[in-house]
């Protein structure tokens, strides 16, 4: 493994866990008043595209780290969507 691969793993891991604190907080509190549903929707579509592109490139690193990002981001998106629907009723 060369230095650039190590940098790639550090970058991938950093991006993958960046939403983890927010998703834990959101799951615990269920508060999503200030979260933009549209931005998380667009972000999740982008992450899904990165996973597909990683599969195309046969890049386990790209697929793995983006899948981790997707789990965190998708949990926030789902709770936010659920709260927005609840507010509309």
PDB file of N, CA and C in Angstrom:
ATOM      1  N   UNK A   1       0.854  -1.175   0.000  1.00  0.00           N
ATOM      2  CA  UNK A   1       0.000   0.000   0.000  1.00  0.00           C
ATOM      3  C   UNK A   1       0.901   1.239   0.000  1.00  0.00           C
ATOM      4  N   UNK A   2       0.638   2.136  -0.939  1.00  0.00           N
ATOM      5  CA  UNK A   2       1.461   3.344  -1.017  1.00  0.00           C
ATOM      6  C   UNK A   2       0.817   4.501  -0.256  1.00  0.00           C
ATOM      7  N   UNK A   3       1.522   5.607  -0.181  1.00  0.00           N
ATOM      8  CA  UNK A   3       1.066   6.765   0.585  1.00  0.00           C
ATOM      9  C   UNK A   3      -0.249   7.330   0.053  1.00  0.00           C
ATOM     10  N   UNK A   4      -0.464   7.262  -1.243  1.00  0.00           N
ATOM     11  CA  UNK A   4      -1.692   7.800  -1.819  1.00  0.00           C
ATOM     12  C   UNK A   4      -2.900   6.934  -1.465  1.00  0.00           C
ATOM     13  N   UNK A   5      -2.696   5.632  -1.389  1.00  0.00           N
ATOM     14  CA  UNK A   5      -3.781   4.750  -0.954  1.00  0.00           C
ATOM     15  C   UNK A   5      -4.126   5.008   0.511  1.00  0.00           C
ATOM     16  N   UNK A   6      -3.115   5.236   1.326  1.00  0.00           N
ATOM     17  CA  UNK A   6      -3.339   5.548   2.744  1.00  0.00           C
ATOM     18  C   UNK A   6      -4.109   6.861   2.876  1.00  0.00           C
ATOM     19  N   UNK A   7      -3.706   7.862   2.086  1.00  0.00           N
ATOM     20  CA  UNK A   7      -4.425   9.145   2.093  1.00  0.00           C
ATOM     21  C   UNK A   7      -5.874   8.934   1.649  1.00  0.00           C
ATOM     22  N   UNK A   8      -6.078   8.084   0.665  1.00  0.00           N
ATOM     23  CA  UNK A   8      -7.434   7.774   0.197  1.00  0.00           C
ATOM     24  C   UNK A   8      -8.275   7.146   1.288  1.00  0.00           C
ATOM     25  N   UNK A   9      -7.690   6.230   2.046  1.00  0.00           N
ATOM     26  CA  UNK A   9      -8.421   5.605   3.145  1.00  0.00           C
ATOM     27  C   UNK A   9      -8.737   6.607   4.246  1.00  0.00           C
ATOM     28  N   UNK A  10      -7.789   7.473   4.566  1.00  0.00           N
ATOM     29  CA  UNK A  10      -8.031   8.507   5.578  1.00  0.00           C
ATOM     30  C   UNK A  10      -9.148   9.447   5.113  1.00  0.00           C
ATOM     31  N   UNK A  11      -9.087   9.856   3.855  1.00  0.00           N
ATOM     32  CA  UNK A  11     -10.123  10.743   3.303  1.00  0.00           C
ATOM     33  C   UNK A  11     -11.487  10.055   3.318  1.00  0.00           C
ATOM     34  N   UNK A  12     -11.517   8.828   2.857  1.00  0.00           N
ATOM     35  CA  UNK A  12     -12.783   8.088   2.814  1.00  0.00           C
ATOM     36  C   UNK A  12     -13.383   7.887   4.189  1.00  0.00           C
ATOM     37  N   UNK A  13     -12.548   7.532   5.145  1.00  0.00           N
ATOM     38  CA  UNK A  13     -13.031   7.326   6.509  1.00  0.00           C
ATOM     39  C   UNK A  13     -13.518   8.631   7.123  1.00  0.00           C
ATOM     40  N   UNK A  14     -12.794   9.718   6.877  1.00  0.00           N
ATOM     41  CA  UNK A  14     -13.201  11.025   7.403  1.00  0.00           C
ATOM     42  C   UNK A  14     -14.567  11.435   6.878  1.00  0.00           C
ATOM     43  N   UNK A  15     -14.766  11.291   5.590  1.00  0.00           N
ATOM     44  CA  UNK A  15     -16.046  11.655   4.982  1.00  0.00           C
ATOM     45  C   UNK A  15     -17.145  10.708   5.455  1.00  0.00           C
ATOM     46  N   UNK A  16     -16.803   9.437   5.588  1.00  0.00           N
ATOM     47  CA  UNK A  16     -17.800   8.446   5.993  1.00  0.00           C
ATOM     48  C   UNK A  16     -18.333   8.689   7.398  1.00  0.00           C
ATOM     49  N   UNK A  17     -17.486   9.136   8.292  1.00  0.00           N
ATOM     50  CA  UNK A  17     -17.935   9.307   9.679  1.00  0.00           C
ATOM     51  C   UNK A  17     -18.354  10.738  10.003  1.00  0.00           C
ATOM     52  N   UNK A  18     -18.255  11.661   9.055  1.00  0.00           N
ATOM     53  CA  UNK A  18     -18.574  13.061   9.364  1.00  0.00           C
ATOM     54  C   UNK A  18     -20.038  13.250   9.754  1.00  0.00           C
ATOM     55  N   UNK A  19     -20.947  12.457   9.242  1.00  0.00           N
ATOM     56  CA  UNK A  19     -22.358  12.585   9.592  1.00  0.00           C
ATOM     57  C   UNK A  19     -22.734  11.770  10.824  1.00  0.00           C
ATOM     58  N   UNK A  20     -21.824  10.953  11.302  1.00  0.00           N
ATOM     59  CA  UNK A  20     -22.135  10.083  12.431  1.00  0.00           C
ATOM     60  C   UNK A  20     -22.570  10.855  13.682  1.00  0.00           C
ATOM     61  N   UNK A  21     -21.852  11.900  14.120  1.00  0.00           N
ATOM     62  CA  UNK A  21     -22.327  12.637  15.303  1.00  0.00           C
ATOM     63  C   UNK A  21     -23.723  13.243  15.110  1.00  0.00           C
ATOM     64  N   UNK A  22     -23.982  13.792  13.920  1.00  0.00           N
ATOM     65  CA  UNK A  22     -25.299  14.375  13.655  1.00  0.00           C
ATOM     66  C   UNK A  22     -26.381  13.302  13.623  1.00  0.00           C
ATOM     67  N   UNK A  23     -26.088  12.164  13.023  1.00  0.00           N
ATOM     68  CA  UNK A  23     -27.106  11.112  12.959  1.00  0.00           C
ATOM     69  C   UNK A  23     -27.393  10.540  14.346  1.00  0.00           C
ATOM     70  N   UNK A  24     -26.384  10.394  15.179  1.00  0.00           N
ATOM     71  CA  UNK A  24     -26.605   9.919  16.550  1.00  0.00           C
ATOM     72  C   UNK A  24     -27.471  10.922  17.312  1.00  0.00           C
ATOM     73  N   UNK A  25     -27.153  12.200  17.186  1.00  0.00           N
ATOM     74  CA  UNK A  25     -27.930  13.247  17.858  1.00  0.00           C
ATOM     75  C   UNK A  25     -29.368  13.259  17.365  1.00  0.00           C
ATOM     76  N   UNK A  26     -29.546  13.142  16.060  1.00  0.00           N
ATOM     77  CA  UNK A  26     -30.885  13.155  15.477  1.00  0.00           C
ATOM     78  C   UNK A  26     -31.694  11.942  15.917  1.00  0.00           C
ATOM     79  N   UNK A  27     -31.065  10.785  15.954  1.00  0.00           N
ATOM     80  CA  UNK A  27     -31.759   9.574  16.391  1.00  0.00           C
ATOM     81  C   UNK A  27     -32.166   9.702  17.857  1.00  0.00           C
ATOM     82  N   UNK A  28     -31.293  10.244  18.674  1.00  0.00           N
ATOM     83  CA  UNK A  28     -31.585  10.393  20.109  1.00  0.00           C
ATOM     84  C   UNK A  28     -32.674  11.429  20.382  1.00  0.00           C
ATOM     85  N   UNK A  29     -32.569  12.591  19.743  1.00  0.00           N
ATOM     86  CA  UNK A  29     -33.485  13.695  20.055  1.00  0.00           C
ATOM     87  C   UNK A  29     -34.724  13.726  19.174  1.00  0.00           C
ATOM     88  N   UNK A  30     -34.618  13.174  17.973  1.00  0.00           N
ATOM     89  CA  UNK A  30     -35.688  13.224  16.971  1.00  0.00           C
ATOM     90  C   UNK A  30     -35.999  14.653  16.542  1.00  0.00           C
ATOM     91  N   UNK A  31     -35.102  15.595  16.826  1.00  0.00           N
ATOM     92  CA  UNK A  31     -35.313  16.996  16.452  1.00  0.00           C
ATOM     93  C   UNK A  31     -34.659  17.273  15.108  1.00  0.00           C
ATOM     94  N   UNK A  32     -35.469  17.753  14.172  1.00  0.00           N
ATOM     95  CA  UNK A  32     -34.972  18.009  12.819  1.00  0.00           C
ATOM     96  C   UNK A  32     -35.480  19.326  12.265  1.00  0.00           C
ATOM     97  N   UNK A  33     -35.890  20.215  13.137  1.00  0.00           N
ATOM     98  CA  UNK A  33     -36.507  21.473  12.695  1.00  0.00           C
ATOM     99  C   UNK A  33     -35.633  22.268  11.724  1.00  0.00           C
ATOM    100  N   UNK A  34     -34.353  22.316  11.964  1.00  0.00           N
ATOM    101  CA  UNK A  34     -33.454  23.146  11.155  1.00  0.00           C
ATOM    102  C   UNK A  34     -32.709  22.367  10.076  1.00  0.00           C
ATOM    103  N   UNK A  35     -33.124  21.146   9.821  1.00  0.00           N
ATOM    104  CA  UNK A  35     -32.445  20.319   8.818  1.00  0.00           C
ATOM    105  C   UNK A  35     -33.178  20.438   7.491  1.00  0.00           C
ATOM    106  N   UNK A  36     -32.431  20.689   6.432  1.00  0.00           N
ATOM    107  CA  UNK A  36     -33.006  20.812   5.096  1.00  0.00           C
ATOM    108  C   UNK A  36     -33.228  19.427   4.492  1.00  0.00           C
ATOM    109  N   UNK A  37     -34.481  19.098   4.268  1.00  0.00           N
ATOM    110  CA  UNK A  37     -34.836  17.814   3.670  1.00  0.00           C
ATOM    111  C   UNK A  37     -34.280  17.710   2.247  1.00  0.00           C
ATOM    112  N   UNK A  38     -34.372  18.802   1.498  1.00  0.00           N
ATOM    113  CA  UNK A  38     -33.889  18.801   0.117  1.00  0.00           C
ATOM    114  C   UNK A  38     -32.384  18.544   0.043  1.00  0.00           C
ATOM    115  N   UNK A  39     -31.617  19.175   0.916  1.00  0.00           N
ATOM    116  CA  UNK A  39     -30.158  18.979   0.855  1.00  0.00           C
ATOM    117  C   UNK A  39     -29.785  17.542   1.169  1.00  0.00           C
ATOM    118  N   UNK A  40     -30.455  16.915   2.134  1.00  0.00           N
ATOM    119  CA  UNK A  40     -30.157  15.514   2.451  1.00  0.00           C
ATOM    120  C   UNK A  40     -30.628  14.586   1.336  1.00  0.00           C
ATOM    121  N   UNK A  41     -31.732  14.935   0.678  1.00  0.00           N
ATOM    122  CA  UNK A  41     -32.197  14.143  -0.459  1.00  0.00           C
ATOM    123  C   UNK A  41     -31.150  14.162  -1.577  1.00  0.00           C
ATOM    124  N   UNK A  42     -30.693  15.351  -1.924  1.00  0.00           N
ATOM    125  CA  UNK A  42     -29.689  15.489  -2.981  1.00  0.00           C
ATOM    126  C   UNK A  42     -28.389  14.795  -2.587  1.00  0.00           C
ATOM    127  N   UNK A  43     -27.971  14.968  -1.337  1.00  0.00           N
ATOM    128  CA  UNK A  43     -26.747  14.331  -0.859  1.00  0.00           C
ATOM    129  C   UNK A  43     -26.848  12.806  -0.960  1.00  0.00           C
ATOM    130  N   UNK A  44     -27.989  12.245  -0.549  1.00  0.00           N
ATOM    131  CA  UNK A  44     -28.161  10.791  -0.609  1.00  0.00           C
ATOM    132  C   UNK A  44     -28.152  10.275  -2.043  1.00  0.00           C
ATOM    133  N   UNK A  45     -28.754  11.009  -2.961  1.00  0.00           N
ATOM    134  CA  UNK A  45     -28.703  10.618  -4.379  1.00  0.00           C
ATOM    135  C   UNK A  45     -27.246  10.607  -4.848  1.00  0.00           C
ATOM    136  N   UNK A  46     -26.491  11.635  -4.471  1.00  0.00           N
ATOM    137  CA  UNK A  46     -25.077  11.691  -4.836  1.00  0.00           C
ATOM    138  C   UNK A  46     -24.285  10.520  -4.274  1.00  0.00           C
ATOM    139  N   UNK A  47     -24.534  10.170  -3.035  1.00  0.00           N
ATOM    140  CA  UNK A  47     -23.829   9.047  -2.405  1.00  0.00           C
ATOM    141  C   UNK A  47     -24.181   7.738  -3.106  1.00  0.00           C
ATOM    142  N   UNK A  48     -25.447   7.565  -3.436  1.00  0.00           N
ATOM    143  CA  UNK A  48     -25.849   6.352  -4.172  1.00  0.00           C
ATOM    144  C   UNK A  48     -25.122   6.288  -5.511  1.00  0.00           C
ATOM    145  N   UNK A  49     -25.003   7.420  -6.185  1.00  0.00           N
ATOM    146  CA  UNK A  49     -24.268   7.460  -7.459  1.00  0.00           C
ATOM    147  C   UNK A  49     -22.796   7.119  -7.261  1.00  0.00           C
ATOM    148  N   UNK A  50     -22.184   7.609  -6.165  1.00  0.00           N
ATOM    149  CA  UNK A  50     -20.786   7.264  -5.882  1.00  0.00           C
ATOM    150  C   UNK A  50     -20.626   5.765  -5.635  1.00  0.00           C
ATOM    151  N   UNK A  51     -21.586   5.160  -4.959  1.00  0.00           N
ATOM    152  CA  UNK A  51     -21.524   3.711  -4.722  1.00  0.00           C
ATOM    153  C   UNK A  51     -21.599   2.957  -6.047  1.00  0.00           C
ATOM    154  N   UNK A  52     -22.510   3.377  -6.904  1.00  0.00           N
ATOM    155  CA  UNK A  52     -22.631   2.735  -8.222  1.00  0.00           C
ATOM    156  C   UNK A  52     -21.344   2.929  -9.030  1.00  0.00           C
ATOM    157  N   UNK A  53     -20.800   4.127  -8.988  1.00  0.00           N
ATOM    158  CA  UNK A  53     -19.552   4.403  -9.703  1.00  0.00           C
ATOM    159  C   UNK A  53     -18.402   3.577  -9.124  1.00  0.00           C
ATOM    160  N   UNK A  54     -18.359   3.438  -7.811  1.00  0.00           N
ATOM    161  CA  UNK A  54     -17.346   2.593  -7.170  1.00  0.00           C
ATOM    162  C   UNK A  54     -17.480   1.145  -7.602  1.00  0.00           C
ATOM    163  N   UNK A  55     -18.724   0.687  -7.756  1.00  0.00           N
ATOM    164  CA  UNK A  55     -18.953  -0.677  -8.235  1.00  0.00           C
ATOM    165  C   UNK A  55     -18.444  -0.813  -9.672  1.00  0.00           C
ATOM    166  N   UNK A  56     -18.736   0.190 -10.494  1.00  0.00           N
ATOM    167  CA  UNK A  56     -18.265   0.195 -11.882  1.00  0.00           C
ATOM    168  C   UNK A  56     -16.733   0.136 -11.945  1.00  0.00           C
ATOM    169  N   UNK A  57     -16.078   0.891 -11.068  1.00  0.00           N
ATOM    170  CA  UNK A  57     -14.612   0.919 -11.039  1.00  0.00           C
ATOM    171  C   UNK A  57     -14.013  -0.264 -10.284  1.00  0.00           C
ATOM    172  N   UNK A  58     -14.895  -1.062  -9.678  1.00  0.00           N
ATOM    173  CA  UNK A  58     -14.452  -2.181  -8.838  1.00  0.00           C
ATOM    174  C   UNK A  58     -13.600  -1.665  -7.676  1.00  0.00           C
ATOM    175  N   UNK A  59     -14.049  -0.551  -7.068  1.00  0.00           N
ATOM    176  CA  UNK A  59     -13.327   0.087  -5.968  1.00  0.00           C
ATOM    177  C   UNK A  59     -14.048  -0.187  -4.652  1.00  0.00           C
ATOM    178  N   UNK A  60     -13.564  -1.180  -3.936  1.00  0.00           N
ATOM    179  CA  UNK A  60     -14.143  -1.520  -2.647  1.00  0.00           C
ATOM    180  C   UNK A  60     -14.086  -0.326  -1.699  1.00  0.00           C
ATOM    181  N   UNK A  61     -12.982   0.380  -1.725  1.00  0.00           N
ATOM    182  CA  UNK A  61     -12.785   1.554  -0.872  1.00  0.00           C
ATOM    183  C   UNK A  61     -13.895   2.588  -1.115  1.00  0.00           C
ATOM    184  N   UNK A  62     -14.180   2.889  -2.362  1.00  0.00           N
ATOM    185  CA  UNK A  62     -15.194   3.885  -2.704  1.00  0.00           C
ATOM    186  C   UNK A  62     -16.584   3.405  -2.296  1.00  0.00           C
ATOM    187  N   UNK A  63     -16.879   2.150  -2.553  1.00  0.00           N
ATOM    188  CA  UNK A  63     -18.192   1.613  -2.200  1.00  0.00           C
ATOM    189  C   UNK A  63     -18.378   1.545  -0.687  1.00  0.00           C
ATOM    190  N   UNK A  64     -17.370   1.086   0.033  1.00  0.00           N
ATOM    191  CA  UNK A  64     -17.463   0.913   1.477  1.00  0.00           C
ATOM    192  C   UNK A  64     -17.681   2.236   2.204  1.00  0.00           C
ATOM    193  N   UNK A  65     -16.815   3.205   1.929  1.00  0.00           N
ATOM    194  CA  UNK A  65     -16.911   4.470   2.649  1.00  0.00           C
ATOM    195  C   UNK A  65     -18.172   5.248   2.288  1.00  0.00           C
ATOM    196  N   UNK A  66     -18.604   5.157   1.052  1.00  0.00           N
ATOM    197  CA  UNK A  66     -19.846   5.828   0.679  1.00  0.00           C
ATOM    198  C   UNK A  66     -21.066   5.121   1.261  1.00  0.00           C
ATOM    199  N   UNK A  67     -20.998   3.808   1.398  1.00  0.00           N
ATOM    200  CA  UNK A  67     -22.095   3.079   2.041  1.00  0.00           C
ATOM    201  C   UNK A  67     -22.220   3.481   3.509  1.00  0.00           C
ATOM    202  N   UNK A  68     -21.091   3.659   4.179  1.00  0.00           N
ATOM    203  CA  UNK A  68     -21.113   4.121   5.572  1.00  0.00           C
ATOM    204  C   UNK A  68     -21.731   5.514   5.639  1.00  0.00           C
ATOM    205  N   UNK A  69     -21.335   6.392   4.729  1.00  0.00           N
ATOM    206  CA  UNK A  69     -21.914   7.742   4.674  1.00  0.00           C
ATOM    207  C   UNK A  69     -23.411   7.687   4.441  1.00  0.00           C
ATOM    208  N   UNK A  70     -23.824   6.792   3.559  1.00  0.00           N
ATOM    209  CA  UNK A  70     -25.242   6.682   3.220  1.00  0.00           C
ATOM    210  C   UNK A  70     -26.082   6.276   4.426  1.00  0.00           C
ATOM    211  N   UNK A  71     -25.586   5.347   5.225  1.00  0.00           N
ATOM    212  CA  UNK A  71     -26.335   4.906   6.404  1.00  0.00           C
ATOM    213  C   UNK A  71     -26.570   6.079   7.352  1.00  0.00           C
ATOM    214  N   UNK A  72     -25.521   6.836   7.636  1.00  0.00           N
ATOM    215  CA  UNK A  72     -25.666   7.986   8.543  1.00  0.00           C
ATOM    216  C   UNK A  72     -26.588   9.053   7.958  1.00  0.00           C
ATOM    217  N   UNK A  73     -26.356   9.405   6.718  1.00  0.00           N
ATOM    218  CA  UNK A  73     -27.130  10.469   6.084  1.00  0.00           C
ATOM    219  C   UNK A  73     -28.582  10.054   5.859  1.00  0.00           C
ATOM    220  N   UNK A  74     -28.779   8.809   5.477  1.00  0.00           N
ATOM    221  CA  UNK A  74     -30.135   8.326   5.227  1.00  0.00           C
ATOM    222  C   UNK A  74     -30.957   8.287   6.512  1.00  0.00           C
ATOM    223  N   UNK A  75     -30.316   7.974   7.634  1.00  0.00           N
ATOM    224  CA  UNK A  75     -31.059   7.966   8.903  1.00  0.00           C
ATOM    225  C   UNK A  75     -31.561   9.371   9.231  1.00  0.00           C
ATOM    226  N   UNK A  76     -30.733  10.375   9.004  1.00  0.00           N
ATOM    227  CA  UNK A  76     -31.151  11.760   9.235  1.00  0.00           C
ATOM    228  C   UNK A  76     -32.279  12.129   8.274  1.00  0.00           C
ATOM    229  N   UNK A  77     -32.137  11.751   7.012  1.00  0.00           N
ATOM    230  CA  UNK A  77     -33.153  12.056   6.005  1.00  0.00           C
ATOM    231  C   UNK A  77     -34.497  11.434   6.377  1.00  0.00           C
ATOM    232  N   UNK A  78     -34.503  10.182   6.784  1.00  0.00           N
ATOM    233  CA  UNK A  78     -35.752   9.481   7.107  1.00  0.00           C
ATOM    234  C   UNK A  78     -36.442  10.116   8.312  1.00  0.00           C
ATOM    235  N   UNK A  79     -35.675  10.428   9.354  1.00  0.00           N
ATOM    236  CA  UNK A  79     -36.273  11.065  10.535  1.00  0.00           C
ATOM    237  C   UNK A  79     -36.803  12.446  10.179  1.00  0.00           C
ATOM    238  N   UNK A  80     -36.056  13.194   9.371  1.00  0.00           N
ATOM    239  CA  UNK A  80     -36.511  14.523   8.944  1.00  0.00           C
ATOM    240  C   UNK A  80     -37.787  14.420   8.122  1.00  0.00           C
ATOM    241  N   UNK A  81     -37.837  13.483   7.197  1.00  0.00           N
ATOM    242  CA  UNK A  81     -39.025  13.271   6.375  1.00  0.00           C
ATOM    243  C   UNK A  81     -40.220  12.902   7.245  1.00  0.00           C
ATOM    244  N   UNK A  82     -40.010  12.005   8.178  1.00  0.00           N
ATOM    245  CA  UNK A  82     -41.077  11.592   9.091  1.00  0.00           C
ATOM    246  C   UNK A  82     -41.607  12.791   9.884  1.00  0.00           C
ATOM    247  N   UNK A  83     -40.717  13.636  10.365  1.00  0.00           N
ATOM    248  CA  UNK A  83     -41.132  14.816  11.121  1.00  0.00           C
ATOM    249  C   UNK A  83     -41.862  15.830  10.251  1.00  0.00           C
ATOM    250  N   UNK A  84     -41.417  16.025   9.009  1.00  0.00           N
ATOM    251  CA  UNK A  84     -42.093  16.955   8.093  1.00  0.00           C
ATOM    252  C   UNK A  84     -43.512  16.475   7.785  1.00  0.00           C
ATOM    253  N   UNK A  85     -43.668  15.179   7.587  1.00  0.00           N
ATOM    254  CA  UNK A  85     -45.000  14.606   7.312  1.00  0.00           C
ATOM    255  C   UNK A  85     -45.889  14.804   8.534  1.00  0.00           C
ATOM    256  N   UNK A  86     -45.342  14.578   9.719  1.00  0.00           N
ATOM    257  CA  UNK A  86     -46.087  14.754  10.960  1.00  0.00           C
ATOM    258  C   UNK A  86     -46.546  16.201  11.133  1.00  0.00           C
ATOM    259  N   UNK A  87     -45.683  17.155  10.759  1.00  0.00           N
ATOM    260  CA  UNK A  87     -46.021  18.582  10.886  1.00  0.00           C
ATOM    261  C   UNK A  87     -47.144  18.986   9.927  1.00  0.00           C
ATOM    262  N   UNK A  88     -47.219  18.320   8.782  1.00  0.00           N
ATOM    263  CA  UNK A  88     -48.224  18.669   7.784  1.00  0.00           C
ATOM    264  C   UNK A  88     -49.615  18.214   8.201  1.00  0.00           C
ATOM    265  N   UNK A  89     -49.711  17.280   9.111  1.00  0.00           N
ATOM    266  CA  UNK A  89     -51.021  16.759   9.524  1.00  0.00           C
ATOM    267  C   UNK A  89     -51.713  17.664  10.468  1.00  0.00           C
TER     268      UNK A  89
END
